[in-house]
Amino acid sequence: MKLRTFAVATVAALLTLGPVACDNTGAPVLTHRLVATGNQKSIPLYPDEETLVEVSHRAQQGGVTGMVGSVQKNFSAKQIDDQTPVQVISTDENGAHVEIVDGPLRGQSGFVAKQNVS
């Protein structure tokens, strides 16, 4: 009988505390921010990791190939404002797949270099 009373009390306590402990706002638990480096004012958001790697590789090369990489960066990446809040979906050695959680591009996702996420 004591075990049954204890079980009922435990279930009642859990049901009472459940709604208090849950966050049903839909907001991400932990958000990060995009951070511009150097003298930049925005962060390039690429559609995927392959585009980031390709553009970065071309931009690092000298001469005409480097200029093509810099121009390609402007056409293949959206420029996102510094300090834009994002949710990190996944990361690897090149960067992070993120989703914008606030602002005019809310819901937009893409890939950014790892030095641009804090």
C-alpha atoms as a PDB file:
ATOM      1  CA  MET A   1       0.000   0.000   0.000  1.00  0.00           C
ATOM      2  CA  LYS A   2       2.849   2.389   0.816  1.00  0.00           C
ATOM      3  CA  LEU A   3       4.445   1.662  -2.578  1.00  0.00           C
ATOM      4  CA  ARG A   4       1.213   2.523  -4.380  1.00  0.00           C
ATOM      5  CA  THR A   5       0.855   5.792  -2.483  1.00  0.00           C
ATOM      6  CA  PHE A   6       4.490   6.660  -3.230  1.00  0.00           C
ATOM      7  CA  ALA A   7       4.009   5.904  -6.942  1.00  0.00           C
ATOM      8  CA  VAL A   8       0.868   8.042  -7.157  1.00  0.00           C
ATOM      9  CA  ALA A   9       2.610  10.931  -5.355  1.00  0.00           C
ATOM     10  CA  THR A  10       5.617  10.680  -7.689  1.00  0.00           C
ATOM     11  CA  VAL A  11       3.437  10.724 -10.813  1.00  0.00           C
ATOM     12  CA  ALA A  12       1.463  13.691  -9.457  1.00  0.00           C
ATOM     13  CA  ALA A  13       4.674  15.596  -8.724  1.00  0.00           C
ATOM     14  CA  LEU A  14       6.055  14.923 -12.201  1.00  0.00           C
ATOM     15  CA  LEU A  15       2.841  16.030 -13.871  1.00  0.00           C
ATOM     16  CA  THR A  16       2.856  19.216 -11.824  1.00  0.00           C
ATOM     17  CA  LEU A  17       6.509  20.057 -12.557  1.00  0.00           C
ATOM     18  CA  GLY A  18       6.423  19.039 -16.231  1.00  0.00           C
ATOM     19  CA  PRO A  19       4.752  22.182 -17.612  1.00  0.00           C
ATOM     20  CA  VAL A  20       6.980  24.411 -15.473  1.00  0.00           C
ATOM     21  CA  ALA A  21      10.200  22.806 -16.728  1.00  0.00           C
ATOM     22  CA  CYS A  22       9.250  22.820 -20.431  1.00  0.00           C
ATOM     23  CA  ASP A  23       9.966  25.755 -22.689  1.00  0.00           C
ATOM     24  CA  ASN A  24       7.243  25.742 -25.308  1.00  0.00           C
ATOM     25  CA  THR A  25       8.188  29.054 -26.947  1.00  0.00           C
ATOM     26  CA  GLY A  26       9.841  27.348 -29.914  1.00  0.00           C
ATOM     27  CA  ALA A  27      13.007  29.406 -29.446  1.00  0.00           C
ATOM     28  CA  PRO A  28      16.321  27.593 -29.786  1.00  0.00           C
ATOM     29  CA  VAL A  29      17.880  26.596 -26.507  1.00  0.00           C
ATOM     30  CA  LEU A  30      21.297  27.977 -27.401  1.00  0.00           C
ATOM     31  CA  THR A  31      21.837  30.577 -30.099  1.00  0.00           C
ATOM     32  CA  HIS A  32      25.085  31.793 -31.542  1.00  0.00           C
ATOM     33  CA  ARG A  33      25.945  34.955 -33.432  1.00  0.00           C
ATOM     34  CA  LEU A  34      27.695  35.567 -36.708  1.00  0.00           C
ATOM     35  CA  VAL A  35      30.843  37.618 -36.196  1.00  0.00           C
ATOM     36  CA  ALA A  36      32.578  39.673 -38.881  1.00  0.00           C
ATOM     37  CA  THR A  37      36.361  39.448 -38.859  1.00  0.00           C
ATOM     38  CA  GLY A  38      38.907  42.118 -39.699  1.00  0.00           C
ATOM     39  CA  ASN A  39      37.377  45.252 -41.158  1.00  0.00           C
ATOM     40  CA  GLN A  40      34.337  43.449 -42.596  1.00  0.00           C
ATOM     41  CA  LYS A  41      30.790  44.546 -41.781  1.00  0.00           C
ATOM     42  CA  SER A  42      29.030  41.376 -42.983  1.00  0.00           C
ATOM     43  CA  ILE A  43      29.502  37.619 -43.192  1.00  0.00           C
ATOM     44  CA  PRO A  44      29.110  35.576 -46.388  1.00  0.00           C
ATOM     45  CA  LEU A  45      26.454  32.849 -46.076  1.00  0.00           C
ATOM     46  CA  TYR A  46      27.082  30.175 -48.719  1.00  0.00           C
ATOM     47  CA  PRO A  47      24.406  27.747 -49.911  1.00  0.00           C
ATOM     48  CA  ASP A  48      26.597  24.751 -48.989  1.00  0.00           C
ATOM     49  CA  GLU A  49      30.042  23.738 -47.767  1.00  0.00           C
ATOM     50  CA  GLU A  50      31.330  22.848 -51.241  1.00  0.00           C
ATOM     51  CA  THR A  51      30.726  26.402 -52.471  1.00  0.00           C
ATOM     52  CA  LEU A  52      32.556  27.846 -49.457  1.00  0.00           C
ATOM     53  CA  VAL A  53      35.581  25.607 -50.045  1.00  0.00           C
ATOM     54  CA  GLU A  54      35.679  26.322 -53.790  1.00  0.00           C
ATOM     55  CA  VAL A  55      35.368  30.100 -53.433  1.00  0.00           C
ATOM     56  CA  SER A  56      37.884  30.253 -50.564  1.00  0.00           C
ATOM     57  CA  HIS A  57      40.401  28.196 -52.522  1.00  0.00           C
ATOM     58  CA  ARG A  58      40.124  30.440 -55.585  1.00  0.00           C
ATOM     59  CA  ALA A  59      40.268  33.656 -53.549  1.00  0.00           C
ATOM     60  CA  GLN A  60      43.516  32.538 -51.865  1.00  0.00           C
ATOM     61  CA  GLN A  61      45.241  32.020 -55.194  1.00  0.00           C
ATOM     62  CA  GLY A  62      46.988  34.966 -56.773  1.00  0.00           C
ATOM     63  CA  GLY A  63      46.441  36.627 -60.114  1.00  0.00           C
ATOM     64  CA  VAL A  64      43.336  36.234 -62.229  1.00  0.00           C
ATOM     65  CA  THR A  65      42.151  33.120 -60.370  1.00  0.00           C
ATOM     66  CA  GLY A  66      42.184  35.054 -57.086  1.00  0.00           C
ATOM     67  CA  MET A  67      40.165  37.880 -58.611  1.00  0.00           C
ATOM     68  CA  VAL A  68      37.650  35.369 -60.015  1.00  0.00           C
ATOM     69  CA  GLY A  69      37.303  33.843 -56.532  1.00  0.00           C
ATOM     70  CA  SER A  70      36.644  37.249 -54.981  1.00  0.00           C
ATOM     71  CA  VAL A  71      34.001  38.074 -57.597  1.00  0.00           C
ATOM     72  CA  GLN A  72      32.452  34.593 -57.280  1.00  0.00           C
ATOM     73  CA  LYS A  73      32.125  35.174 -53.519  1.00  0.00           C
ATOM     74  CA  ASN A  74      29.874  38.193 -54.181  1.00  0.00           C
ATOM     75  CA  PHE A  75      27.564  36.190 -56.460  1.00  0.00           C
ATOM     76  CA  SER A  76      27.400  32.869 -54.619  1.00  0.00           C
ATOM     77  CA  ALA A  77      27.028  34.080 -51.020  1.00  0.00           C
ATOM     78  CA  LYS A  78      24.441  36.252 -49.304  1.00  0.00           C
ATOM     79  CA  GLN A  79      25.940  38.934 -47.100  1.00  0.00           C
ATOM     80  CA  ILE A  80      24.567  38.694 -43.539  1.00  0.00           C
ATOM     81  CA  ASP A  81      24.922  41.498 -40.996  1.00  0.00           C
ATOM     82  CA  ASP A  82      27.413  41.218 -38.165  1.00  0.00           C
ATOM     83  CA  GLN A  83      25.944  39.918 -34.870  1.00  0.00           C
ATOM     84  CA  THR A  84      22.987  38.179 -36.564  1.00  0.00           C
ATOM     85  CA  PRO A  85      21.656  35.441 -34.235  1.00  0.00           C
ATOM     86  CA  VAL A  86      21.840  31.920 -35.660  1.00  0.00           C
ATOM     87  CA  GLN A  87      21.253  28.355 -34.569  1.00  0.00           C
ATOM     88  CA  VAL A  88      24.118  26.005 -35.385  1.00  0.00           C
ATOM     89  CA  ILE A  89      22.816  22.886 -37.121  1.00  0.00           C
ATOM     90  CA  SER A  90      26.172  21.143 -37.608  1.00  0.00           C
ATOM     91  CA  THR A  91      29.885  21.910 -37.671  1.00  0.00           C
ATOM     92  CA  ASP A  92      33.055  20.518 -39.160  1.00  0.00           C
ATOM     93  CA  GLU A  93      36.650  21.619 -39.803  1.00  0.00           C
ATOM     94  CA  ASN A  94      35.631  24.158 -42.486  1.00  0.00           C
ATOM     95  CA  GLY A  95      32.742  25.876 -40.749  1.00  0.00           C
ATOM     96  CA  ALA A  96      29.157  25.552 -39.624  1.00  0.00           C
ATOM     97  CA  HIS A  97      25.784  24.923 -41.194  1.00  0.00           C
ATOM     98  CA  VAL A  98      23.551  27.557 -39.575  1.00  0.00           C
ATOM     99  CA  GLU A  99      19.978  28.820 -39.645  1.00  0.00           C
ATOM    100  CA  ILE A 100      19.167  32.492 -39.045  1.00  0.00           C
ATOM    101  CA  VAL A 101      16.764  32.820 -36.103  1.00  0.00           C
ATOM    102  CA  ASP A 102      16.014  36.556 -36.154  1.00  0.00           C
ATOM    103  CA  GLY A 103      15.873  39.426 -38.608  1.00  0.00           C
ATOM    104  CA  PRO A 104      14.697  39.842 -42.191  1.00  0.00           C
ATOM    105  CA  LEU A 105      16.286  36.555 -43.346  1.00  0.00           C
ATOM    106  CA  ARG A 106      14.838  34.483 -40.504  1.00  0.00           C
ATOM    107  CA  GLY A 107      14.648  30.814 -41.482  1.00  0.00           C
ATOM    108  CA  GLN A 108      17.362  31.119 -44.133  1.00  0.00           C
ATOM    109  CA  SER A 109      20.073  28.495 -43.766  1.00  0.00           C
ATOM    110  CA  GLY A 110      23.528  28.099 -45.214  1.00  0.00           C
ATOM    111  CA  PHE A 111      27.181  27.506 -44.488  1.00  0.00           C
ATOM    112  CA  VAL A 112      29.629  29.984 -42.929  1.00  0.00           C
ATOM    113  CA  ALA A 113      33.332  29.788 -42.183  1.00  0.00           C
ATOM    114  CA  LYS A 114      34.156  28.629 -38.655  1.00  0.00           C
ATOM    115  CA  GLN A 115      35.830  31.920 -37.676  1.00  0.00           C
ATOM    116  CA  ASN A 116      32.518  33.720 -38.286  1.00  0.00           C
ATOM    117  CA  VAL A 117      30.489  31.879 -35.618  1.00  0.00           C
ATOM    118  CA  SER A 118      30.658  32.590 -31.899  1.00  0.00           C
END
